[in-house]
Amino acid sequence: MKNNKIYSVLPDGGRKEYDVILTFTNDDNNRDYIVYTDNSKDENGKLKIFASLYNPDTLEFLGNPKTQEEWNKIYRLLDSILLEKQDS
């Protein structure tokens, strides 16, 4: 990610901007993931975070994580990033 931003095209033709939190390859299944946010909050005041499978060469989105194992890996990586920031 060059500028750590990605965009989606809305039905009206507009664009929605997202900030990239992290990208990674899951060595267990050899798939590439992107984790991102639109910086909005949920009903509990927590930051909304999204994750997708993607092709890092074309930046094409390939779908959403489907298994609990995939989501667990994403959660563990996010937790480790938060812990690193707290320690620094």
N, C-alpha and C. Protein backbone atom coordinates (compact mmCIF):
# COMPACT_ATOMS: atom_id res chain seq x y z
N MET A 1 0.83 -1.18 0.00
CA MET A 1 0.00 0.00 0.00
C MET A 1 0.88 1.24 0.00
N LYS A 2 0.81 1.97 -1.05
CA LYS A 2 1.66 3.14 -1.17
C LYS A 2 1.29 4.23 -0.18
N ASN A 3 0.01 4.58 -0.13
CA ASN A 3 -0.39 5.70 0.72
C ASN A 3 -1.27 5.27 1.88
N ASN A 4 -1.43 3.97 2.06
CA ASN A 4 -2.23 3.42 3.14
C ASN A 4 -3.69 3.84 3.09
N LYS A 5 -4.18 4.11 1.89
CA LYS A 5 -5.59 4.40 1.66
C LYS A 5 -6.10 3.47 0.57
N ILE A 6 -7.34 3.05 0.71
CA ILE A 6 -8.03 2.33 -0.35
C ILE A 6 -9.39 2.98 -0.53
N TYR A 7 -10.02 2.69 -1.64
CA TYR A 7 -11.30 3.31 -1.96
C TYR A 7 -12.26 2.26 -2.49
N SER A 8 -13.54 2.44 -2.19
CA SER A 8 -14.56 1.62 -2.81
C SER A 8 -15.47 2.54 -3.61
N VAL A 9 -16.03 2.00 -4.67
CA VAL A 9 -16.95 2.76 -5.51
C VAL A 9 -18.36 2.51 -4.99
N LEU A 10 -19.07 3.59 -4.71
CA LEU A 10 -20.43 3.52 -4.19
C LEU A 10 -21.42 3.37 -5.34
N PRO A 11 -22.64 2.90 -5.04
CA PRO A 11 -23.64 2.73 -6.11
C PRO A 11 -23.91 4.01 -6.91
N ASP A 12 -23.77 5.18 -6.26
CA ASP A 12 -24.02 6.44 -6.96
C ASP A 12 -22.81 6.93 -7.75
N GLY A 13 -21.73 6.11 -7.76
CA GLY A 13 -20.53 6.47 -8.50
C GLY A 13 -19.49 7.19 -7.65
N GLY A 14 -19.86 7.58 -6.45
CA GLY A 14 -18.91 8.24 -5.55
C GLY A 14 -17.90 7.24 -5.00
N ARG A 15 -16.95 7.75 -4.24
CA ARG A 15 -15.93 6.89 -3.64
C ARG A 15 -15.96 7.03 -2.13
N LYS A 16 -15.70 5.93 -1.46
CA LYS A 16 -15.56 5.93 -0.01
C LYS A 16 -14.12 5.59 0.31
N GLU A 17 -13.52 6.38 1.21
CA GLU A 17 -12.12 6.20 1.56
C GLU A 17 -11.98 5.37 2.83
N TYR A 18 -10.97 4.50 2.84
CA TYR A 18 -10.65 3.68 4.00
C TYR A 18 -9.16 3.81 4.30
N ASP A 19 -8.81 3.73 5.56
CA ASP A 19 -7.41 3.69 5.99
C ASP A 19 -7.01 2.24 6.18
N VAL A 20 -5.89 1.86 5.58
CA VAL A 20 -5.37 0.50 5.72
C VAL A 20 -4.67 0.38 7.07
N ILE A 21 -5.05 -0.63 7.83
CA ILE A 21 -4.43 -0.91 9.12
C ILE A 21 -3.26 -1.86 8.93
N LEU A 22 -3.47 -2.92 8.16
CA LEU A 22 -2.39 -3.87 7.89
C LEU A 22 -2.73 -4.74 6.70
N THR A 23 -1.70 -5.28 6.10
CA THR A 23 -1.83 -6.31 5.08
C THR A 23 -0.91 -7.45 5.49
N PHE A 24 -1.30 -8.65 5.16
CA PHE A 24 -0.46 -9.80 5.52
C PHE A 24 -0.84 -11.01 4.68
N THR A 25 0.11 -11.93 4.59
CA THR A 25 -0.13 -13.24 3.98
C THR A 25 -0.26 -14.24 5.11
N ASN A 26 -1.33 -15.00 5.09
CA ASN A 26 -1.54 -16.06 6.07
C ASN A 26 -0.79 -17.30 5.58
N ASP A 27 0.27 -17.65 6.29
CA ASP A 27 1.10 -18.78 5.88
C ASP A 27 0.36 -20.11 5.97
N ASP A 28 -0.71 -20.17 6.76
CA ASP A 28 -1.47 -21.42 6.90
C ASP A 28 -2.25 -21.76 5.63
N ASN A 29 -2.76 -20.71 4.94
CA ASN A 29 -3.56 -20.97 3.75
C ASN A 29 -3.04 -20.26 2.50
N ASN A 30 -1.93 -19.53 2.65
CA ASN A 30 -1.28 -18.82 1.54
C ASN A 30 -2.21 -17.81 0.87
N ARG A 31 -3.07 -17.17 1.68
CA ARG A 31 -3.96 -16.12 1.17
C ARG A 31 -3.51 -14.77 1.71
N ASP A 32 -3.78 -13.73 0.93
CA ASP A 32 -3.42 -12.37 1.31
C ASP A 32 -4.65 -11.63 1.83
N TYR A 33 -4.45 -10.88 2.90
CA TYR A 33 -5.54 -10.16 3.56
C TYR A 33 -5.20 -8.69 3.69
N ILE A 34 -6.23 -7.88 3.70
CA ILE A 34 -6.10 -6.46 3.99
C ILE A 34 -7.11 -6.14 5.09
N VAL A 35 -6.66 -5.40 6.11
CA VAL A 35 -7.51 -5.01 7.23
C VAL A 35 -7.56 -3.48 7.19
N TYR A 36 -8.77 -2.92 7.26
CA TYR A 36 -8.94 -1.49 7.03
C TYR A 36 -10.13 -0.94 7.83
N THR A 37 -10.21 0.40 7.88
CA THR A 37 -11.29 1.06 8.61
C THR A 37 -11.74 2.31 7.86
N ASP A 38 -13.00 2.67 8.06
CA ASP A 38 -13.48 3.96 7.54
C ASP A 38 -13.51 5.00 8.67
N ASN A 39 -12.96 4.62 9.81
CA ASN A 39 -12.86 5.48 10.99
C ASN A 39 -14.20 5.84 11.61
N SER A 40 -15.24 5.07 11.28
CA SER A 40 -16.53 5.27 11.94
C SER A 40 -16.58 4.37 13.17
N LYS A 41 -17.54 4.63 14.03
CA LYS A 41 -17.69 3.87 15.28
C LYS A 41 -18.99 3.06 15.23
N ASP A 42 -18.98 1.94 15.93
CA ASP A 42 -20.19 1.13 16.05
C ASP A 42 -21.06 1.69 17.17
N GLU A 43 -22.15 1.01 17.46
CA GLU A 43 -23.10 1.48 18.48
C GLU A 43 -22.50 1.50 19.88
N ASN A 44 -21.38 0.79 20.08
CA ASN A 44 -20.70 0.78 21.37
C ASN A 44 -19.52 1.75 21.43
N GLY A 45 -19.35 2.53 20.37
CA GLY A 45 -18.27 3.51 20.33
C GLY A 45 -16.92 2.94 19.93
N LYS A 46 -16.93 1.70 19.43
CA LYS A 46 -15.67 1.08 19.01
C LYS A 46 -15.46 1.29 17.52
N LEU A 47 -14.19 1.42 17.13
CA LEU A 47 -13.82 1.63 15.75
C LEU A 47 -14.26 0.45 14.89
N LYS A 48 -14.93 0.73 13.78
CA LYS A 48 -15.32 -0.33 12.85
C LYS A 48 -14.10 -0.74 12.03
N ILE A 49 -13.83 -2.03 12.02
CA ILE A 49 -12.69 -2.58 11.28
C ILE A 49 -13.22 -3.66 10.34
N PHE A 50 -12.69 -3.66 9.12
CA PHE A 50 -13.11 -4.60 8.09
C PHE A 50 -11.89 -5.38 7.62
N ALA A 51 -12.13 -6.55 7.05
CA ALA A 51 -11.05 -7.37 6.51
C ALA A 51 -11.53 -8.03 5.22
N SER A 52 -10.63 -8.15 4.28
CA SER A 52 -10.93 -8.79 3.00
C SER A 52 -9.73 -9.57 2.51
N LEU A 53 -10.01 -10.56 1.70
CA LEU A 53 -8.95 -11.22 0.93
C LEU A 53 -8.70 -10.34 -0.28
N TYR A 54 -7.44 -10.25 -0.71
CA TYR A 54 -7.15 -9.42 -1.87
C TYR A 54 -5.92 -9.92 -2.60
N ASN A 55 -5.75 -9.45 -3.82
CA ASN A 55 -4.57 -9.75 -4.60
C ASN A 55 -3.62 -8.57 -4.44
N PRO A 56 -2.46 -8.75 -3.81
CA PRO A 56 -1.55 -7.63 -3.57
C PRO A 56 -0.94 -7.05 -4.84
N ASP A 57 -0.95 -7.81 -5.93
CA ASP A 57 -0.39 -7.31 -7.18
C ASP A 57 -1.35 -6.39 -7.92
N THR A 58 -2.63 -6.74 -7.92
CA THR A 58 -3.63 -5.96 -8.65
C THR A 58 -4.51 -5.11 -7.72
N LEU A 59 -4.43 -5.36 -6.40
CA LEU A 59 -5.28 -4.74 -5.38
C LEU A 59 -6.75 -5.09 -5.56
N GLU A 60 -7.02 -6.17 -6.29
CA GLU A 60 -8.40 -6.64 -6.48
C GLU A 60 -8.88 -7.33 -5.20
N PHE A 61 -10.10 -6.98 -4.78
CA PHE A 61 -10.70 -7.63 -3.63
C PHE A 61 -11.29 -8.96 -4.06
N LEU A 62 -11.02 -10.01 -3.27
CA LEU A 62 -11.42 -11.36 -3.64
C LEU A 62 -12.48 -11.94 -2.73
N GLY A 63 -12.98 -11.17 -1.80
CA GLY A 63 -14.01 -11.65 -0.89
C GLY A 63 -13.64 -11.41 0.55
N ASN A 64 -14.47 -11.93 1.43
CA ASN A 64 -14.28 -11.75 2.87
C ASN A 64 -13.77 -13.04 3.51
N PRO A 65 -13.06 -12.91 4.63
CA PRO A 65 -12.69 -14.12 5.38
C PRO A 65 -13.95 -14.91 5.72
N LYS A 66 -13.89 -16.21 5.55
CA LYS A 66 -15.08 -17.03 5.75
C LYS A 66 -15.01 -17.94 6.97
N THR A 67 -13.81 -18.33 7.36
CA THR A 67 -13.71 -19.30 8.45
C THR A 67 -13.34 -18.60 9.76
N GLN A 68 -13.66 -19.26 10.84
CA GLN A 68 -13.30 -18.73 12.16
C GLN A 68 -11.78 -18.68 12.33
N GLU A 69 -11.08 -19.63 11.72
CA GLU A 69 -9.62 -19.63 11.80
C GLU A 69 -9.04 -18.38 11.15
N GLU A 70 -9.61 -17.97 10.00
CA GLU A 70 -9.13 -16.76 9.34
C GLU A 70 -9.36 -15.54 10.24
N TRP A 71 -10.56 -15.44 10.80
CA TRP A 71 -10.87 -14.31 11.68
C TRP A 71 -9.99 -14.32 12.92
N ASN A 72 -9.73 -15.50 13.49
CA ASN A 72 -8.87 -15.58 14.68
C ASN A 72 -7.46 -15.06 14.39
N LYS A 73 -6.93 -15.39 13.22
CA LYS A 73 -5.61 -14.90 12.83
C LYS A 73 -5.62 -13.37 12.74
N ILE A 74 -6.65 -12.82 12.13
CA ILE A 74 -6.78 -11.36 12.01
C ILE A 74 -6.86 -10.73 13.39
N TYR A 75 -7.69 -11.28 14.27
CA TYR A 75 -7.82 -10.73 15.64
C TYR A 75 -6.50 -10.78 16.38
N ARG A 76 -5.75 -11.89 16.25
CA ARG A 76 -4.45 -12.01 16.94
C ARG A 76 -3.47 -10.95 16.44
N LEU A 77 -3.45 -10.73 15.13
CA LEU A 77 -2.55 -9.72 14.58
C LEU A 77 -2.93 -8.32 15.06
N LEU A 78 -4.22 -8.02 15.09
CA LEU A 78 -4.66 -6.71 15.58
C LEU A 78 -4.31 -6.54 17.05
N ASP A 79 -4.52 -7.58 17.83
CA ASP A 79 -4.16 -7.53 19.25
C ASP A 79 -2.67 -7.26 19.44
N SER A 80 -1.84 -7.93 18.63
CA SER A 80 -0.39 -7.73 18.78
C SER A 80 0.01 -6.31 18.39
N ILE A 81 -0.64 -5.74 17.39
CA ILE A 81 -0.35 -4.35 17.00
C ILE A 81 -0.74 -3.40 18.13
N LEU A 82 -1.90 -3.62 18.73
CA LEU A 82 -2.34 -2.76 19.83
C LEU A 82 -1.41 -2.88 21.02
N LEU A 83 -0.94 -4.09 21.33
CA LEU A 83 -0.03 -4.27 22.44
C LEU A 83 1.31 -3.57 22.18
N GLU A 84 1.81 -3.65 20.94
CA GLU A 84 3.05 -2.96 20.58
C GLU A 84 2.92 -1.46 20.77
N LYS A 85 1.77 -0.90 20.35
CA LYS A 85 1.57 0.55 20.49
C LYS A 85 1.47 0.96 21.94
N GLN A 86 0.87 0.11 22.78
CA GLN A 86 0.76 0.42 24.19
C GLN A 86 2.13 0.40 24.87
N ASP A 87 3.00 -0.49 24.40
CA ASP A 87 4.34 -0.63 25.02
C ASP A 87 5.30 0.47 24.56
N SER A 88 4.99 1.12 23.47
CA SER A 88 5.93 2.16 22.98
C SER A 88 5.57 3.55 23.45
